[in-house]
Structure formats: structure tokens, C-alpha cells
Amino acid sequence: MTREEKAQIIEELEKKFAAHAHFYLTDAGGLTVEQVNLFRRMCFKSGIEYGVYKNTLIRKALERRGGVDYSPLFKVLHGFSGVIFSKEAGNTPAKVIREFRKKLEGKPVLKAASIDSDFFIGDENLNTLAELKSKNELIGEIISLLQSPAKNVISALLSGEHKVAGLVKALETRGK
């Protein structure tokens, strides 16, 4: 690979890191080409992108990104490294990895993940990441929690329609 090709890949990777709030570093060593392609297809169907890059190129692209110190991720950049990029939900790649592991035990291995500039290092974080709620899911839960008291009051008023009318009449006659 020539210097120009490496520089182009680093620039491309830097743009991808800038465009995606969430990315995962994985180790898919030991997978056949067919298995890697199957994993890529699963990622594509889930709206995420998977690519295999040289560790030095990943590191240089991360170093060029300003604003966040990615140095904690550098210690996992060895061996066979793949990068999963996700724009929307930070938990989607973890779910895809878990689903793929049902077909092939233990692979790919999660090296690290960056979710909105928070780092999760190590494969033991996979289940935690898969259970994370997306921003839209959290907003939906908050809205339903806020609506819940109003719904309870309305349902109580509707279920005791005659009782409320009787109470209002009793209060009205009392006031006279």
C-alpha cells in the first residue's frame, strides 16, 4: 500500500469517525471471508457499517480527530481490527454482534466502543451496551411517564362519572 493510499484511507476514516457518534472496535480474527461477509450483511441490514482496517490507520485517524482524547482506545489496537460505525443508536452494533454470536460462538470479540465519546473497553461490556436505550427510546419513556398521571386522572373521572356529578350536585346544594 502506497503512502497516498494510506493517507486517503486515514482521511476517509477520520471523516467516518466525525460523522458517526458511535463506533465499535472488534476483533474478528479467525473468521473466514464468508463469515466476515455474512457479518457485514447483518450490519448493513441493521443500518450500520462494518469495515476492516489496519490498526495504525485507525490510530492515526483517531489522533487527527480533535476534541476527544481517544488514547484509552489505542491499547486495544492490535491483531485483526474491524470498525463498526453507527449514526443512530449506540446499542445496535452490540445487538448485531450478539445475534451473530448465536451463529458462531464467541466471534467477533468486542475490543472497545465509543458511545457519544464515552469509552467501553473489553468484551465484558457487550451485554451492557446491548441493553443501552437509544435517545428516542428514552424520550418515549419520559413522555409516557409524564402522560401517566394525566391519564390516571382522566380515567378516574370517566369511571366515576356519576359519582363526580353526584358530588358536584351535593356541593351545589350545600352552598345554598
N, C-alpha and C. Protein backbone atom coordinates (compact mmCIF):
# COMPACT_ATOMS: atom_id res chain seq x y z
N MET A 1 0.86 -1.17 0.00
CA MET A 1 0.00 0.00 0.00
C MET A 1 0.91 1.24 0.00
N THR A 2 0.63 2.16 -0.90
CA THR A 2 1.45 3.36 -1.01
C THR A 2 1.07 4.39 0.05
N ARG A 3 1.94 5.37 0.23
CA ARG A 3 1.66 6.44 1.20
C ARG A 3 0.39 7.19 0.86
N GLU A 4 0.18 7.41 -0.43
CA GLU A 4 -1.02 8.13 -0.87
C GLU A 4 -2.29 7.34 -0.53
N GLU A 5 -2.23 6.03 -0.73
CA GLU A 5 -3.38 5.19 -0.40
C GLU A 5 -3.64 5.19 1.10
N LYS A 6 -2.57 5.12 1.90
CA LYS A 6 -2.72 5.17 3.35
C LYS A 6 -3.30 6.50 3.78
N ALA A 7 -2.79 7.59 3.22
CA ALA A 7 -3.30 8.93 3.56
C ALA A 7 -4.77 9.06 3.20
N GLN A 8 -5.16 8.49 2.10
CA GLN A 8 -6.56 8.53 1.67
C GLN A 8 -7.45 7.74 2.63
N ILE A 9 -6.99 6.57 3.06
CA ILE A 9 -7.76 5.76 4.00
C ILE A 9 -7.87 6.47 5.35
N ILE A 10 -6.79 7.06 5.81
CA ILE A 10 -6.82 7.80 7.08
C ILE A 10 -7.81 8.95 7.00
N GLU A 11 -7.80 9.67 5.91
CA GLU A 11 -8.74 10.79 5.72
C GLU A 11 -10.18 10.29 5.69
N GLU A 12 -10.40 9.19 4.99
CA GLU A 12 -11.74 8.59 4.92
C GLU A 12 -12.21 8.14 6.30
N LEU A 13 -11.31 7.48 7.04
CA LEU A 13 -11.65 7.04 8.40
C LEU A 13 -11.93 8.22 9.32
N GLU A 14 -11.13 9.27 9.21
CA GLU A 14 -11.34 10.45 10.04
C GLU A 14 -12.73 11.04 9.79
N LYS A 15 -13.14 11.10 8.54
CA LYS A 15 -14.48 11.60 8.20
C LYS A 15 -15.57 10.70 8.78
N LYS A 16 -15.34 9.40 8.72
CA LYS A 16 -16.33 8.46 9.28
C LYS A 16 -16.44 8.62 10.79
N PHE A 17 -15.30 8.75 11.47
CA PHE A 17 -15.33 8.96 12.92
C PHE A 17 -16.05 10.26 13.26
N ALA A 18 -15.86 11.28 12.43
CA ALA A 18 -16.51 12.57 12.67
C ALA A 18 -18.01 12.49 12.42
N ALA A 19 -18.41 11.69 11.44
CA ALA A 19 -19.83 11.61 11.06
C ALA A 19 -20.65 10.66 11.94
N HIS A 20 -19.99 9.80 12.69
CA HIS A 20 -20.70 8.80 13.50
C HIS A 20 -20.43 9.02 14.98
N ALA A 21 -21.48 9.21 15.74
CA ALA A 21 -21.35 9.44 17.19
C ALA A 21 -20.98 8.16 17.93
N HIS A 22 -21.20 7.02 17.30
CA HIS A 22 -20.95 5.74 17.95
C HIS A 22 -20.09 4.87 17.04
N PHE A 23 -19.06 4.26 17.61
CA PHE A 23 -18.31 3.27 16.85
C PHE A 23 -17.77 2.20 17.80
N TYR A 24 -17.61 1.01 17.24
CA TYR A 24 -17.13 -0.14 17.99
C TYR A 24 -15.87 -0.65 17.31
N LEU A 25 -14.91 -1.09 18.10
CA LEU A 25 -13.72 -1.77 17.60
C LEU A 25 -13.85 -3.24 17.95
N THR A 26 -13.72 -4.09 16.95
CA THR A 26 -13.92 -5.52 17.17
C THR A 26 -12.71 -6.32 16.70
N ASP A 27 -12.62 -7.54 17.19
CA ASP A 27 -11.61 -8.48 16.73
C ASP A 27 -12.36 -9.64 16.10
N ALA A 28 -12.26 -9.76 14.80
CA ALA A 28 -12.92 -10.84 14.08
C ALA A 28 -11.89 -11.82 13.56
N GLY A 29 -10.73 -11.86 14.20
CA GLY A 29 -9.69 -12.80 13.80
C GLY A 29 -10.18 -14.23 13.88
N GLY A 30 -9.81 -15.01 12.92
CA GLY A 30 -10.24 -16.41 12.90
C GLY A 30 -11.50 -16.64 12.08
N LEU A 31 -12.16 -15.57 11.68
CA LEU A 31 -13.34 -15.73 10.83
C LEU A 31 -12.91 -15.91 9.38
N THR A 32 -13.65 -16.71 8.66
CA THR A 32 -13.37 -16.88 7.24
C THR A 32 -13.92 -15.67 6.48
N VAL A 33 -13.52 -15.54 5.25
CA VAL A 33 -14.02 -14.43 4.40
C VAL A 33 -15.54 -14.52 4.30
N GLU A 34 -16.05 -15.72 4.17
CA GLU A 34 -17.51 -15.92 4.06
C GLU A 34 -18.22 -15.44 5.34
N GLN A 35 -17.63 -15.75 6.49
CA GLN A 35 -18.23 -15.33 7.76
C GLN A 35 -18.16 -13.82 7.94
N VAL A 36 -17.05 -13.20 7.54
CA VAL A 36 -16.93 -11.75 7.62
C VAL A 36 -17.97 -11.09 6.71
N ASN A 37 -18.15 -11.65 5.52
CA ASN A 37 -19.16 -11.10 4.60
C ASN A 37 -20.57 -11.26 5.16
N LEU A 38 -20.84 -12.37 5.82
CA LEU A 38 -22.14 -12.57 6.46
C LEU A 38 -22.35 -11.53 7.57
N PHE A 39 -21.31 -11.28 8.37
CA PHE A 39 -21.38 -10.27 9.41
C PHE A 39 -21.62 -8.89 8.81
N ARG A 40 -20.92 -8.59 7.72
CA ARG A 40 -21.12 -7.30 7.03
C ARG A 40 -22.56 -7.13 6.58
N ARG A 41 -23.14 -8.21 6.02
CA ARG A 41 -24.53 -8.14 5.56
C ARG A 41 -25.49 -7.90 6.73
N MET A 42 -25.22 -8.56 7.87
CA MET A 42 -26.07 -8.34 9.06
C MET A 42 -25.97 -6.88 9.51
N CYS A 43 -24.77 -6.34 9.48
CA CYS A 43 -24.58 -4.93 9.85
C CYS A 43 -25.34 -4.03 8.90
N PHE A 44 -25.20 -4.28 7.60
CA PHE A 44 -25.87 -3.45 6.59
C PHE A 44 -27.38 -3.47 6.78
N LYS A 45 -27.94 -4.65 7.03
CA LYS A 45 -29.39 -4.77 7.24
C LYS A 45 -29.85 -3.99 8.47
N SER A 46 -28.95 -3.81 9.44
CA SER A 46 -29.29 -3.08 10.66
C SER A 46 -28.98 -1.59 10.56
N GLY A 47 -28.50 -1.16 9.40
CA GLY A 47 -28.22 0.26 9.21
C GLY A 47 -26.89 0.73 9.77
N ILE A 48 -25.97 -0.21 9.95
CA ILE A 48 -24.64 0.14 10.44
C ILE A 48 -23.60 -0.33 9.43
N GLU A 49 -22.40 0.22 9.54
CA GLU A 49 -21.35 -0.08 8.57
C GLU A 49 -20.18 -0.77 9.27
N TYR A 50 -19.65 -1.81 8.63
CA TYR A 50 -18.52 -2.55 9.18
C TYR A 50 -17.38 -2.55 8.17
N GLY A 51 -16.18 -2.26 8.65
CA GLY A 51 -15.01 -2.30 7.80
C GLY A 51 -13.81 -2.79 8.58
N VAL A 52 -12.87 -3.40 7.87
CA VAL A 52 -11.64 -3.90 8.47
C VAL A 52 -10.51 -2.97 8.02
N TYR A 53 -9.73 -2.50 8.99
CA TYR A 53 -8.66 -1.55 8.71
C TYR A 53 -7.42 -1.94 9.49
N LYS A 54 -6.27 -1.42 9.04
CA LYS A 54 -5.03 -1.62 9.78
C LYS A 54 -5.08 -0.79 11.05
N ASN A 55 -4.53 -1.35 12.11
CA ASN A 55 -4.55 -0.67 13.41
C ASN A 55 -3.87 0.70 13.38
N THR A 56 -2.76 0.79 12.66
CA THR A 56 -2.05 2.07 12.59
C THR A 56 -2.89 3.14 11.90
N LEU A 57 -3.66 2.74 10.90
CA LEU A 57 -4.51 3.71 10.19
C LEU A 57 -5.66 4.18 11.08
N ILE A 58 -6.23 3.24 11.85
CA ILE A 58 -7.30 3.60 12.79
C ILE A 58 -6.75 4.58 13.82
N ARG A 59 -5.58 4.27 14.36
CA ARG A 59 -4.98 5.12 15.38
C ARG A 59 -4.69 6.52 14.84
N LYS A 60 -4.12 6.60 13.65
CA LYS A 60 -3.80 7.91 13.07
C LYS A 60 -5.07 8.73 12.81
N ALA A 61 -6.13 8.06 12.35
CA ALA A 61 -7.39 8.76 12.11
C ALA A 61 -7.98 9.29 13.42
N LEU A 62 -7.89 8.49 14.48
CA LEU A 62 -8.39 8.93 15.78
C LEU A 62 -7.53 10.06 16.36
N GLU A 63 -6.23 9.98 16.15
CA GLU A 63 -5.34 11.04 16.63
C GLU A 63 -5.63 12.37 15.95
N ARG A 64 -6.02 12.32 14.70
CA ARG A 64 -6.30 13.54 13.94
C ARG A 64 -7.63 14.18 14.33
N ARG A 65 -8.50 13.40 14.97
CA ARG A 65 -9.79 13.94 15.41
C ARG A 65 -9.57 14.78 16.65
N GLY A 66 -9.95 16.02 16.60
CA GLY A 66 -9.78 16.90 17.75
C GLY A 66 -10.95 16.82 18.72
N GLY A 67 -10.73 17.37 19.89
CA GLY A 67 -11.83 17.49 20.86
C GLY A 67 -11.96 16.34 21.84
N VAL A 68 -11.60 15.14 21.45
CA VAL A 68 -11.74 13.98 22.34
C VAL A 68 -10.41 13.25 22.40
N ASP A 69 -10.03 12.82 23.58
CA ASP A 69 -8.80 12.06 23.77
C ASP A 69 -9.12 10.58 23.60
N TYR A 70 -8.76 10.02 22.47
CA TYR A 70 -9.03 8.61 22.17
C TYR A 70 -7.92 7.68 22.64
N SER A 71 -6.94 8.19 23.35
CA SER A 71 -5.79 7.36 23.75
C SER A 71 -6.17 6.10 24.54
N PRO A 72 -7.26 6.09 25.35
CA PRO A 72 -7.61 4.82 26.03
C PRO A 72 -7.92 3.68 25.05
N LEU A 73 -8.31 4.03 23.82
CA LEU A 73 -8.65 3.00 22.83
C LEU A 73 -7.41 2.43 22.15
N PHE A 74 -6.30 3.15 22.22
CA PHE A 74 -5.10 2.73 21.49
C PHE A 74 -4.55 1.39 21.99
N LYS A 75 -4.76 1.09 23.26
CA LYS A 75 -4.20 -0.16 23.80
C LYS A 75 -4.89 -1.41 23.25
N VAL A 76 -6.08 -1.26 22.65
CA VAL A 76 -6.77 -2.43 22.07
C VAL A 76 -6.50 -2.57 20.58
N LEU A 77 -5.76 -1.65 20.02
CA LEU A 77 -5.49 -1.69 18.58
C LEU A 77 -4.31 -2.63 18.28
N HIS A 78 -4.62 -3.90 18.26
CA HIS A 78 -3.64 -4.92 17.89
C HIS A 78 -4.42 -6.08 17.29
N GLY A 79 -3.73 -6.90 16.53
CA GLY A 79 -4.41 -8.04 15.91
C GLY A 79 -5.31 -7.60 14.77
N PHE A 80 -6.36 -8.35 14.57
CA PHE A 80 -7.32 -8.12 13.48
C PHE A 80 -8.38 -7.15 13.97
N SER A 81 -8.44 -5.95 13.39
CA SER A 81 -9.39 -4.94 13.89
C SER A 81 -10.42 -4.55 12.84
N GLY A 82 -11.66 -4.60 13.27
CA GLY A 82 -12.75 -4.12 12.46
C GLY A 82 -13.43 -2.97 13.19
N VAL A 83 -14.01 -2.06 12.42
CA VAL A 83 -14.70 -0.92 13.00
C VAL A 83 -16.15 -0.94 12.54
N ILE A 84 -17.05 -0.80 13.50
CA ILE A 84 -18.48 -0.72 13.21
C ILE A 84 -18.91 0.72 13.49
N PHE A 85 -19.50 1.37 12.49
CA PHE A 85 -19.97 2.74 12.63
C PHE A 85 -21.49 2.76 12.71
N SER A 86 -22.01 3.54 13.66
CA SER A 86 -23.46 3.67 13.84
C SER A 86 -23.81 5.12 14.09
N LYS A 87 -24.75 5.66 13.31
CA LYS A 87 -25.18 7.06 13.48
C LYS A 87 -26.28 7.17 14.52
N GLU A 88 -27.26 6.31 14.43
CA GLU A 88 -28.47 6.46 15.24
C GLU A 88 -28.33 5.93 16.65
N ALA A 89 -28.45 4.64 16.81
CA ALA A 89 -28.49 4.04 18.14
C ALA A 89 -27.13 3.45 18.50
N GLY A 90 -26.67 3.74 19.71
CA GLY A 90 -25.39 3.22 20.16
C GLY A 90 -25.43 1.75 20.50
N ASN A 91 -26.65 1.20 20.68
CA ASN A 91 -26.75 -0.20 21.08
C ASN A 91 -26.91 -1.16 19.89
N THR A 92 -27.17 -0.65 18.71
CA THR A 92 -27.39 -1.51 17.55
C THR A 92 -26.20 -2.40 17.22
N PRO A 93 -24.97 -1.88 17.19
CA PRO A 93 -23.85 -2.78 16.90
C PRO A 93 -23.71 -3.91 17.93
N ALA A 94 -23.94 -3.61 19.20
CA ALA A 94 -23.84 -4.65 20.23
C ALA A 94 -24.90 -5.72 20.00
N LYS A 95 -26.08 -5.32 19.61
CA LYS A 95 -27.15 -6.29 19.33
C LYS A 95 -26.79 -7.16 18.13
N VAL A 96 -26.19 -6.56 17.11
CA VAL A 96 -25.79 -7.32 15.92
C VAL A 96 -24.69 -8.32 16.28
N ILE A 97 -23.72 -7.88 17.07
CA ILE A 97 -22.64 -8.78 17.50
C ILE A 97 -23.22 -9.95 18.28
N ARG A 98 -24.14 -9.67 19.20
CA ARG A 98 -24.75 -10.75 19.99
C ARG A 98 -25.51 -11.72 19.10
N GLU A 99 -26.25 -11.17 18.13
CA GLU A 99 -27.02 -12.01 17.21
C GLU A 99 -26.09 -12.90 16.37
N PHE A 100 -24.98 -12.31 15.89
CA PHE A 100 -24.04 -13.07 15.08
C PHE A 100 -23.37 -14.17 15.91
N ARG A 101 -23.13 -13.90 17.18
CA ARG A 101 -22.50 -14.89 18.05
C ARG A 101 -23.38 -16.11 18.26
N LYS A 102 -24.68 -15.97 18.05
CA LYS A 102 -25.55 -17.13 18.15
C LYS A 102 -25.22 -18.14 17.05
N LYS A 103 -24.77 -17.61 15.91
CA LYS A 103 -24.40 -18.47 14.79
C LYS A 103 -22.99 -19.00 14.94
N LEU A 104 -22.11 -18.15 15.46
CA LEU A 104 -20.70 -18.50 15.57
C LEU A 104 -20.22 -18.11 16.96
N GLU A 105 -20.01 -19.08 17.79
CA GLU A 105 -19.70 -18.86 19.21
C GLU A 105 -18.47 -17.98 19.43
N GLY A 106 -18.66 -16.84 20.13
CA GLY A 106 -17.55 -16.02 20.59
C GLY A 106 -16.95 -15.04 19.63
N LYS A 107 -17.38 -15.00 18.39
CA LYS A 107 -16.80 -14.09 17.42
C LYS A 107 -17.89 -13.22 16.82
N PRO A 108 -17.64 -11.99 16.53
CA PRO A 108 -16.44 -11.21 16.81
C PRO A 108 -16.38 -10.78 18.28
N VAL A 109 -15.19 -10.48 18.73
CA VAL A 109 -14.95 -10.06 20.10
C VAL A 109 -14.95 -8.54 20.15
N LEU A 110 -15.64 -7.99 21.14
CA LEU A 110 -15.66 -6.54 21.30
C LEU A 110 -14.36 -6.10 21.97
N LYS A 111 -13.59 -5.27 21.27
CA LYS A 111 -12.37 -4.72 21.86
C LYS A 111 -12.72 -3.47 22.67
N ALA A 112 -13.49 -2.57 22.04
CA ALA A 112 -13.87 -1.32 22.70
C ALA A 112 -15.01 -0.68 21.92
N ALA A 113 -15.66 0.27 22.59
CA ALA A 113 -16.73 1.02 21.94
C ALA A 113 -16.66 2.47 22.41
N SER A 114 -17.03 3.37 21.52
CA SER A 114 -17.15 4.78 21.87
C SER A 114 -18.59 5.19 21.60
N ILE A 115 -19.31 5.50 22.67
CA ILE A 115 -20.71 5.92 22.56
C ILE A 115 -20.77 7.36 23.04
N ASP A 116 -21.01 8.27 22.13
CA ASP A 116 -21.02 9.71 22.46
C ASP A 116 -19.79 10.09 23.29
N SER A 117 -18.62 9.64 22.86
CA SER A 117 -17.32 9.95 23.48
C SER A 117 -17.12 9.31 24.85
N ASP A 118 -17.97 8.37 25.25
CA ASP A 118 -17.73 7.57 26.44
C ASP A 118 -17.16 6.23 25.96
N PHE A 119 -16.15 5.73 26.65
CA PHE A 119 -15.47 4.52 26.21
C PHE A 119 -15.86 3.32 27.05
N PHE A 120 -16.06 2.20 26.37
CA PHE A 120 -16.34 0.92 26.99
C PHE A 120 -15.29 -0.04 26.44
N ILE A 121 -14.35 -0.45 27.29
CA ILE A 121 -13.24 -1.27 26.82
C ILE A 121 -13.39 -2.68 27.37
N GLY A 122 -13.37 -3.64 26.44
CA GLY A 122 -13.44 -5.04 26.82
C GLY A 122 -14.75 -5.70 26.41
N ASP A 123 -14.64 -7.00 26.12
CA ASP A 123 -15.79 -7.78 25.66
C ASP A 123 -16.86 -7.93 26.75
N GLU A 124 -16.48 -7.78 28.01
CA GLU A 124 -17.45 -7.92 29.10
C GLU A 124 -18.51 -6.81 29.08
N ASN A 125 -18.29 -5.76 28.31
CA ASN A 125 -19.25 -4.65 28.21
C ASN A 125 -20.32 -4.87 27.14
N LEU A 126 -20.23 -5.97 26.40
CA LEU A 126 -21.15 -6.19 25.28
C LEU A 126 -22.61 -6.21 25.72
N ASN A 127 -22.94 -6.96 26.76
CA ASN A 127 -24.34 -7.03 27.21
C ASN A 127 -24.82 -5.68 27.73
N THR A 128 -23.96 -4.96 28.43
CA THR A 128 -24.32 -3.62 28.91
C THR A 128 -24.65 -2.72 27.74
N LEU A 129 -23.81 -2.76 26.71
CA LEU A 129 -24.03 -1.92 25.53
C LEU A 129 -25.30 -2.32 24.78
N ALA A 130 -25.58 -3.61 24.72
CA ALA A 130 -26.78 -4.08 24.02
C ALA A 130 -28.05 -3.64 24.74
N GLU A 131 -27.97 -3.47 26.05
CA GLU A 131 -29.14 -3.08 26.84
C GLU A 131 -29.31 -1.56 26.94
N LEU A 132 -28.34 -0.79 26.46
CA LEU A 132 -28.47 0.67 26.48
C LEU A 132 -29.70 1.09 25.68
N LYS A 133 -30.36 2.09 26.16
CA LYS A 133 -31.52 2.60 25.43
C LYS A 133 -31.07 3.75 24.54
N SER A 134 -31.67 3.83 23.37
CA SER A 134 -31.33 4.92 22.46
C SER A 134 -31.99 6.21 22.96
N LYS A 135 -31.56 7.30 22.40
CA LYS A 135 -32.11 8.61 22.77
C LYS A 135 -33.62 8.64 22.54
N ASN A 136 -34.07 8.11 21.42
CA ASN A 136 -35.51 8.10 21.12
C ASN A 136 -36.29 7.22 22.09
N GLU A 137 -35.71 6.08 22.48
CA GLU A 137 -36.37 5.21 23.45
C GLU A 137 -36.52 5.91 24.80
N LEU A 138 -35.47 6.61 25.22
CA LEU A 138 -35.52 7.34 26.49
C LEU A 138 -36.56 8.46 26.46
N ILE A 139 -36.60 9.18 25.36
CA ILE A 139 -37.59 10.26 25.21
C ILE A 139 -39.00 9.69 25.26
N GLY A 140 -39.21 8.56 24.59
CA GLY A 140 -40.52 7.90 24.61
C GLY A 140 -40.94 7.49 26.01
N GLU A 141 -39.98 6.96 26.78
CA GLU A 141 -40.29 6.56 28.16
C GLU A 141 -40.64 7.77 29.02
N ILE A 142 -39.90 8.86 28.85
CA ILE A 142 -40.17 10.07 29.62
C ILE A 142 -41.55 10.62 29.29
N ILE A 143 -41.89 10.64 28.01
CA ILE A 143 -43.21 11.14 27.61
C ILE A 143 -44.31 10.27 28.20
N SER A 144 -44.13 8.94 28.15
CA SER A 144 -45.17 8.07 28.71
C SER A 144 -45.29 8.25 30.22
N LEU A 145 -44.16 8.48 30.90
CA LEU A 145 -44.20 8.74 32.34
C LEU A 145 -44.90 10.05 32.65
N LEU A 146 -44.67 11.05 31.82
CA LEU A 146 -45.33 12.35 32.03
C LEU A 146 -46.83 12.27 31.74
N GLN A 147 -47.20 11.46 30.78
CA GLN A 147 -48.61 11.32 30.43
C GLN A 147 -49.38 10.47 31.42
N SER A 148 -48.69 9.60 32.11
CA SER A 148 -49.33 8.65 33.01
C SER A 148 -50.22 9.30 34.07
N PRO A 149 -49.77 10.32 34.83
CA PRO A 149 -50.65 10.92 35.84
C PRO A 149 -51.92 11.54 35.23
N ALA A 150 -51.76 12.20 34.09
CA ALA A 150 -52.92 12.82 33.45
C ALA A 150 -53.91 11.74 33.00
N LYS A 151 -53.39 10.64 32.46
CA LYS A 151 -54.26 9.55 32.03
C LYS A 151 -55.00 8.95 33.23
N ASN A 152 -54.32 8.82 34.35
CA ASN A 152 -54.96 8.27 35.55
C ASN A 152 -56.09 9.17 36.04
N VAL A 153 -55.86 10.47 36.05
CA VAL A 153 -56.90 11.41 36.49
C VAL A 153 -58.10 11.35 35.55
N ILE A 154 -57.84 11.34 34.26
CA ILE A 154 -58.93 11.29 33.29
C ILE A 154 -59.70 9.99 33.42
N SER A 155 -58.99 8.87 33.55
CA SER A 155 -59.70 7.59 33.66
C SER A 155 -60.50 7.52 34.96
N ALA A 156 -59.97 8.10 36.04
CA ALA A 156 -60.71 8.12 37.31
C ALA A 156 -61.97 8.96 37.17
N LEU A 157 -61.85 10.09 36.49
CA LEU A 157 -63.02 10.95 36.29
C LEU A 157 -64.06 10.26 35.41
N LEU A 158 -63.61 9.58 34.38
CA LEU A 158 -64.55 8.91 33.48
C LEU A 158 -65.19 7.70 34.12
N SER A 159 -64.43 6.96 34.92
CA SER A 159 -65.00 5.76 35.54
C SER A 159 -66.02 6.12 36.62
N GLY A 160 -65.81 7.21 37.29
CA GLY A 160 -66.74 7.62 38.34
C GLY A 160 -67.58 8.80 37.89
N GLU A 161 -67.99 8.78 36.65
CA GLU A 161 -68.75 9.89 36.06
C GLU A 161 -69.95 10.27 36.91
N HIS A 162 -70.70 9.27 37.33
CA HIS A 162 -71.91 9.54 38.10
C HIS A 162 -71.56 10.00 39.51
N LYS A 163 -70.49 9.48 40.07
CA LYS A 163 -70.06 9.90 41.40
C LYS A 163 -69.67 11.37 41.40
N VAL A 164 -68.92 11.78 40.38
CA VAL A 164 -68.47 13.18 40.29
C VAL A 164 -69.67 14.10 40.14
N ALA A 165 -70.61 13.68 39.29
CA ALA A 165 -71.81 14.50 39.10
C ALA A 165 -72.59 14.60 40.42
N GLY A 166 -72.67 13.49 41.15
CA GLY A 166 -73.35 13.50 42.45
C GLY A 166 -72.64 14.38 43.45
N LEU A 167 -71.33 14.33 43.47
CA LEU A 167 -70.55 15.18 44.37
C LEU A 167 -70.73 16.65 44.04
N VAL A 168 -70.72 16.95 42.78
CA VAL A 168 -70.91 18.36 42.36
C VAL A 168 -72.29 18.83 42.77
N LYS A 169 -73.32 17.99 42.61
CA LYS A 169 -74.68 18.35 42.99
C LYS A 169 -74.79 18.54 44.50
N ALA A 170 -74.12 17.65 45.25
CA ALA A 170 -74.15 17.75 46.71
C ALA A 170 -73.48 19.04 47.17
N LEU A 171 -72.37 19.38 46.56
CA LEU A 171 -71.67 20.61 46.92
C LEU A 171 -72.50 21.84 46.54
N GLU A 172 -73.20 21.72 45.45
CA GLU A 172 -74.04 22.83 44.98
C GLU A 172 -75.18 23.06 45.95
N THR A 173 -75.83 22.00 46.41
CA THR A 173 -76.94 22.15 47.35
C THR A 173 -76.46 22.60 48.72
N ARG A 174 -75.30 22.21 49.11
CA ARG A 174 -74.74 22.64 50.36
C ARG A 174 -74.48 24.13 50.39
N GLY A 175 -74.04 24.64 49.26
CA GLY A 175 -73.71 26.05 49.17
C GLY A 175 -74.93 26.95 49.25
N LYS A 176 -76.14 26.44 49.07
CA LYS A 176 -77.34 27.28 49.08
C LYS A 176 -77.85 27.50 50.41
